[in-house]
N, C-alpha and C. Protein backbone atom coordinates (compact mmCIF):
# COMPACT_ATOMS: atom_id res chain seq x y z
N MET A 1 72.94 97.58 49.01
CA MET A 1 71.49 97.06 49.40
C MET A 1 71.59 95.70 50.01
N ILE A 2 70.47 95.33 50.79
CA ILE A 2 70.46 94.10 51.46
C ILE A 2 69.45 93.32 50.90
N ARG A 3 69.82 92.43 50.02
CA ARG A 3 68.80 91.22 49.54
C ARG A 3 68.09 90.80 50.83
N THR A 4 66.68 90.52 50.22
CA THR A 4 65.64 90.11 51.52
C THR A 4 64.84 89.12 50.67
N GLN A 5 63.95 88.41 51.21
CA GLN A 5 62.92 87.60 50.62
C GLN A 5 61.58 87.91 51.52
N ILE A 6 60.76 88.00 50.76
CA ILE A 6 59.45 88.39 51.34
C ILE A 6 58.27 87.36 50.69
N GLN A 7 57.25 87.10 51.10
CA GLN A 7 56.24 86.26 50.58
C GLN A 7 54.63 87.39 50.51
N LEU A 8 54.20 87.36 49.11
CA LEU A 8 52.80 88.20 49.15
C LEU A 8 52.08 87.12 48.71
N THR A 9 50.55 87.92 48.50
CA THR A 9 49.37 86.86 48.38
C THR A 9 49.45 87.28 46.84
N SER A 10 48.71 86.68 46.22
CA SER A 10 48.64 86.30 44.66
C SER A 10 48.28 87.64 44.06
N GLU A 11 47.57 88.29 45.15
CA GLU A 11 46.75 89.35 44.81
C GLU A 11 47.55 90.68 44.95
N GLN A 12 48.62 90.64 45.73
CA GLN A 12 49.25 91.57 46.05
C GLN A 12 50.34 91.47 44.97
N ALA A 13 50.67 90.50 44.77
CA ALA A 13 51.61 90.19 43.39
C ALA A 13 51.46 90.79 42.36
N ARG A 14 50.25 90.90 41.80
CA ARG A 14 49.56 91.05 40.80
C ARG A 14 49.50 92.55 40.28
N SER A 15 48.39 93.18 41.78
CA SER A 15 48.53 94.56 41.89
C SER A 15 49.82 95.15 41.77
N LEU A 16 50.88 94.94 42.31
CA LEU A 16 52.40 95.30 42.47
C LEU A 16 52.96 95.72 40.83
N LYS A 17 52.55 94.47 40.12
CA LYS A 17 53.14 93.92 39.03
C LYS A 17 52.29 95.17 38.00
N ARG A 18 51.10 95.23 38.60
CA ARG A 18 50.29 96.04 37.69
C ARG A 18 50.52 97.83 37.93
N ILE A 19 51.06 98.18 38.80
CA ILE A 19 51.34 99.87 39.45
C ILE A 19 52.60 100.02 38.72
N ALA A 20 53.49 98.57 38.78
CA ALA A 20 55.19 99.05 38.33
C ALA A 20 55.07 99.07 36.84
N ALA A 21 54.10 98.37 36.03
CA ALA A 21 54.15 98.88 34.40
C ALA A 21 53.61 99.87 34.48
N ARG A 22 52.88 100.42 35.18
CA ARG A 22 51.97 101.67 34.73
C ARG A 22 53.23 102.86 35.21
N GLU A 23 53.58 102.70 36.46
CA GLU A 23 54.65 103.97 37.21
C GLU A 23 56.02 103.68 36.39
N LYS A 24 56.36 102.66 35.68
CA LYS A 24 57.49 102.42 34.92
C LYS A 24 58.59 102.26 35.94
N LYS A 25 58.24 101.58 36.69
CA LYS A 25 59.21 101.18 37.92
C LYS A 25 59.33 99.46 38.05
N SER A 26 60.37 99.21 39.26
CA SER A 26 60.14 97.83 39.38
C SER A 26 59.23 97.65 40.47
N VAL A 27 59.21 96.05 40.61
CA VAL A 27 58.11 95.98 42.37
C VAL A 27 59.26 96.38 43.15
N SER A 28 60.56 95.89 43.15
CA SER A 28 61.55 95.78 44.28
C SER A 28 61.52 97.94 44.65
N GLU A 29 61.32 98.30 43.45
CA GLU A 29 61.43 99.82 43.63
C GLU A 29 60.28 100.31 44.69
N LEU A 30 59.11 99.54 44.12
CA LEU A 30 57.73 99.68 45.21
C LEU A 30 57.68 99.57 46.14
N ILE A 31 58.50 98.73 46.55
CA ILE A 31 58.31 97.78 47.84
C ILE A 31 59.14 98.85 48.82
N ARG A 32 60.33 98.96 48.45
CA ARG A 32 61.66 100.20 48.98
C ARG A 32 60.61 101.73 49.28
N LEU A 33 60.03 102.36 48.03
CA LEU A 33 59.41 103.24 48.53
C LEU A 33 58.35 103.08 49.29
N SER A 34 57.72 101.91 49.37
CA SER A 34 56.37 101.51 50.73
C SER A 34 57.13 101.68 51.76
N VAL A 35 58.12 100.66 52.08
CA VAL A 35 58.96 100.70 53.14
C VAL A 35 59.60 102.19 53.85
N ASP A 36 59.97 102.79 52.93
CA ASP A 36 60.35 103.88 53.26
C ASP A 36 59.37 104.89 53.83
N ALA A 37 57.96 105.15 53.16
CA ALA A 37 57.01 105.79 53.54
C ALA A 37 56.11 105.38 54.95
N LEU A 38 56.44 103.85 55.03
CA LEU A 38 56.07 103.49 56.57
C LEU A 38 57.18 104.11 57.30
N ILE A 39 58.66 103.70 57.32
CA ILE A 39 59.25 104.54 58.35
C ILE A 39 59.31 106.01 58.64
N HIS A 40 58.99 106.66 57.41
CA HIS A 40 58.75 107.93 57.63
C HIS A 40 57.32 108.33 58.31
N SER A 41 56.32 107.52 57.98
CA SER A 41 55.16 108.00 58.85
C SER A 41 55.24 107.62 60.26
N ASN A 42 56.07 106.69 60.51
CA ASN A 42 56.43 106.68 62.20
C ASN A 42 57.43 107.44 62.52
N GLY A 43 57.60 108.35 62.11
CA GLY A 43 58.89 109.31 62.86
C GLY A 43 59.88 109.30 62.50
N ILE A 44 60.48 108.46 61.94
CA ILE A 44 61.97 107.73 61.96
C ILE A 44 62.49 108.50 60.43
N ASP A 45 63.54 109.06 60.89
CA ASP A 45 64.07 109.70 59.93
C ASP A 45 65.65 108.71 59.81
N ASN A 46 66.08 108.55 58.45
CA ASN A 46 67.13 107.93 58.31
C ASN A 46 68.57 108.66 58.55
N ARG A 47 69.61 108.05 58.72
CA ARG A 47 70.72 108.73 58.99
C ARG A 47 71.31 109.69 58.13
N SER A 48 70.95 109.31 56.60
CA SER A 48 71.70 110.61 55.53
C SER A 48 70.60 111.55 55.52
N ASP A 49 69.18 111.56 56.10
CA ASP A 49 68.42 112.94 56.30
C ASP A 49 68.86 113.57 57.66
N LEU A 50 69.26 112.83 58.41
CA LEU A 50 69.49 113.35 60.14
C LEU A 50 70.73 114.31 59.68
N ARG A 51 71.65 113.77 59.21
CA ARG A 51 72.98 114.54 58.74
C ARG A 51 72.68 115.52 57.81
N GLN A 52 71.98 115.48 57.05
CA GLN A 52 71.84 116.79 56.08
C GLN A 52 71.21 118.01 56.65
N LYS A 53 70.26 117.56 57.81
CA LYS A 53 69.59 118.20 58.47
C LYS A 53 70.40 118.84 59.46
N ALA A 54 71.35 118.23 60.16
CA ALA A 54 72.43 118.63 60.61
C ALA A 54 73.63 119.78 60.40
N ILE A 55 73.77 119.22 59.31
CA ILE A 55 74.69 120.41 58.17
C ILE A 55 73.93 121.74 57.79
N ALA A 56 72.98 121.21 57.55
CA ALA A 56 72.31 122.66 57.32
C ALA A 56 72.04 123.74 58.07
N VAL A 57 71.98 123.36 59.75
CA VAL A 57 71.85 124.26 60.81
C VAL A 57 73.09 124.65 61.38
N ALA A 58 74.34 123.63 61.27
CA ALA A 58 75.39 124.16 61.91
C ALA A 58 76.00 125.63 61.74
N GLY A 59 76.45 125.89 62.91
CA GLY A 59 76.46 127.55 62.63
C GLY A 59 75.36 128.81 62.98
N GLN A 60 74.11 127.93 62.64
CA GLN A 60 73.28 129.27 62.79
C GLN A 60 72.74 129.25 63.94
N LEU A 61 73.08 128.66 65.15
CA LEU A 61 71.86 128.52 66.14
C LEU A 61 73.11 129.45 67.08
N LYS A 62 72.08 130.43 67.59
CA LYS A 62 72.97 131.58 68.66
C LYS A 62 72.75 131.14 69.86
N GLY A 63 73.48 131.69 70.87
CA GLY A 63 73.24 131.80 72.10
C GLY A 63 74.47 132.48 73.01
N PRO A 64 74.39 132.35 74.18
CA PRO A 64 75.43 133.34 74.55
C PRO A 64 76.41 132.74 74.53
N GLU A 65 77.44 133.77 74.67
CA GLU A 65 79.07 133.28 74.44
C GLU A 65 79.77 132.15 75.54
N ASN A 66 78.96 132.42 76.57
CA ASN A 66 79.56 131.58 77.84
C ASN A 66 78.81 130.24 77.87
N MET A 67 77.80 130.04 77.13
CA MET A 67 77.14 128.83 77.05
C MET A 67 77.77 127.42 77.54
N ALA A 68 78.86 126.94 77.23
CA ALA A 68 79.77 125.83 77.35
C ALA A 68 79.85 125.66 78.91
N ALA A 69 80.68 127.35 79.37
CA ALA A 69 80.94 127.25 80.59
C ALA A 69 79.80 127.06 81.67
N ASN A 70 78.72 127.85 81.12
CA ASN A 70 77.86 127.91 82.40
C ASN A 70 76.56 127.18 82.05
N HIS A 71 76.74 126.07 81.29
CA HIS A 71 75.46 125.60 80.95
C HIS A 71 74.22 125.19 82.01
N ASP A 72 74.97 124.65 83.18
CA ASP A 72 74.11 124.36 84.26
C ASP A 72 73.35 125.73 84.85
N ALA A 73 73.62 126.80 85.01
CA ALA A 73 73.26 127.80 85.16
C ALA A 73 72.03 128.10 84.50
N TYR A 74 72.68 128.31 82.86
CA TYR A 74 71.19 128.48 81.97
C TYR A 74 70.18 127.53 82.15
N LEU A 75 70.70 126.29 82.24
CA LEU A 75 69.47 125.10 82.54
C LEU A 75 68.69 125.18 83.80
N SER A 76 69.17 125.46 85.07
CA SER A 76 68.40 125.77 85.90
C SER A 76 67.66 127.12 85.55
N GLU A 77 67.97 128.23 84.85
CA GLU A 77 67.20 129.30 84.62
C GLU A 77 65.95 128.90 83.98
N ALA A 78 66.16 128.19 82.82
CA ALA A 78 64.97 127.62 81.97
C ALA A 78 63.95 126.72 82.60
N TYR A 79 64.56 125.99 83.47
CA TYR A 79 63.49 125.26 84.42
C TYR A 79 62.86 126.14 85.13
N GLU A 80 63.62 127.54 85.78
CA GLU A 80 62.51 128.07 86.60
C GLU A 80 61.23 128.73 85.80
N GLN A 81 61.50 128.99 84.74
CA GLN A 81 60.66 129.77 84.01
C GLN A 81 59.33 129.22 83.42
């Protein structure tokens, strides 16, 4: 993890401490979860998630046997449709 420093208003700090106590989590964890939610809501996946998605579909996609050799022809055909 990377240590960073942020500034909160007094009300933000108080509210975060109350939520942290109620949820039995640290304020730092709540901030990390909030940052993750913001990143995810903007359509950005982290590298670990992308890697897991790639591994999950590896070998499951089907296509023509000669796709690598004739990819230009297949691409041209797809654009014509």
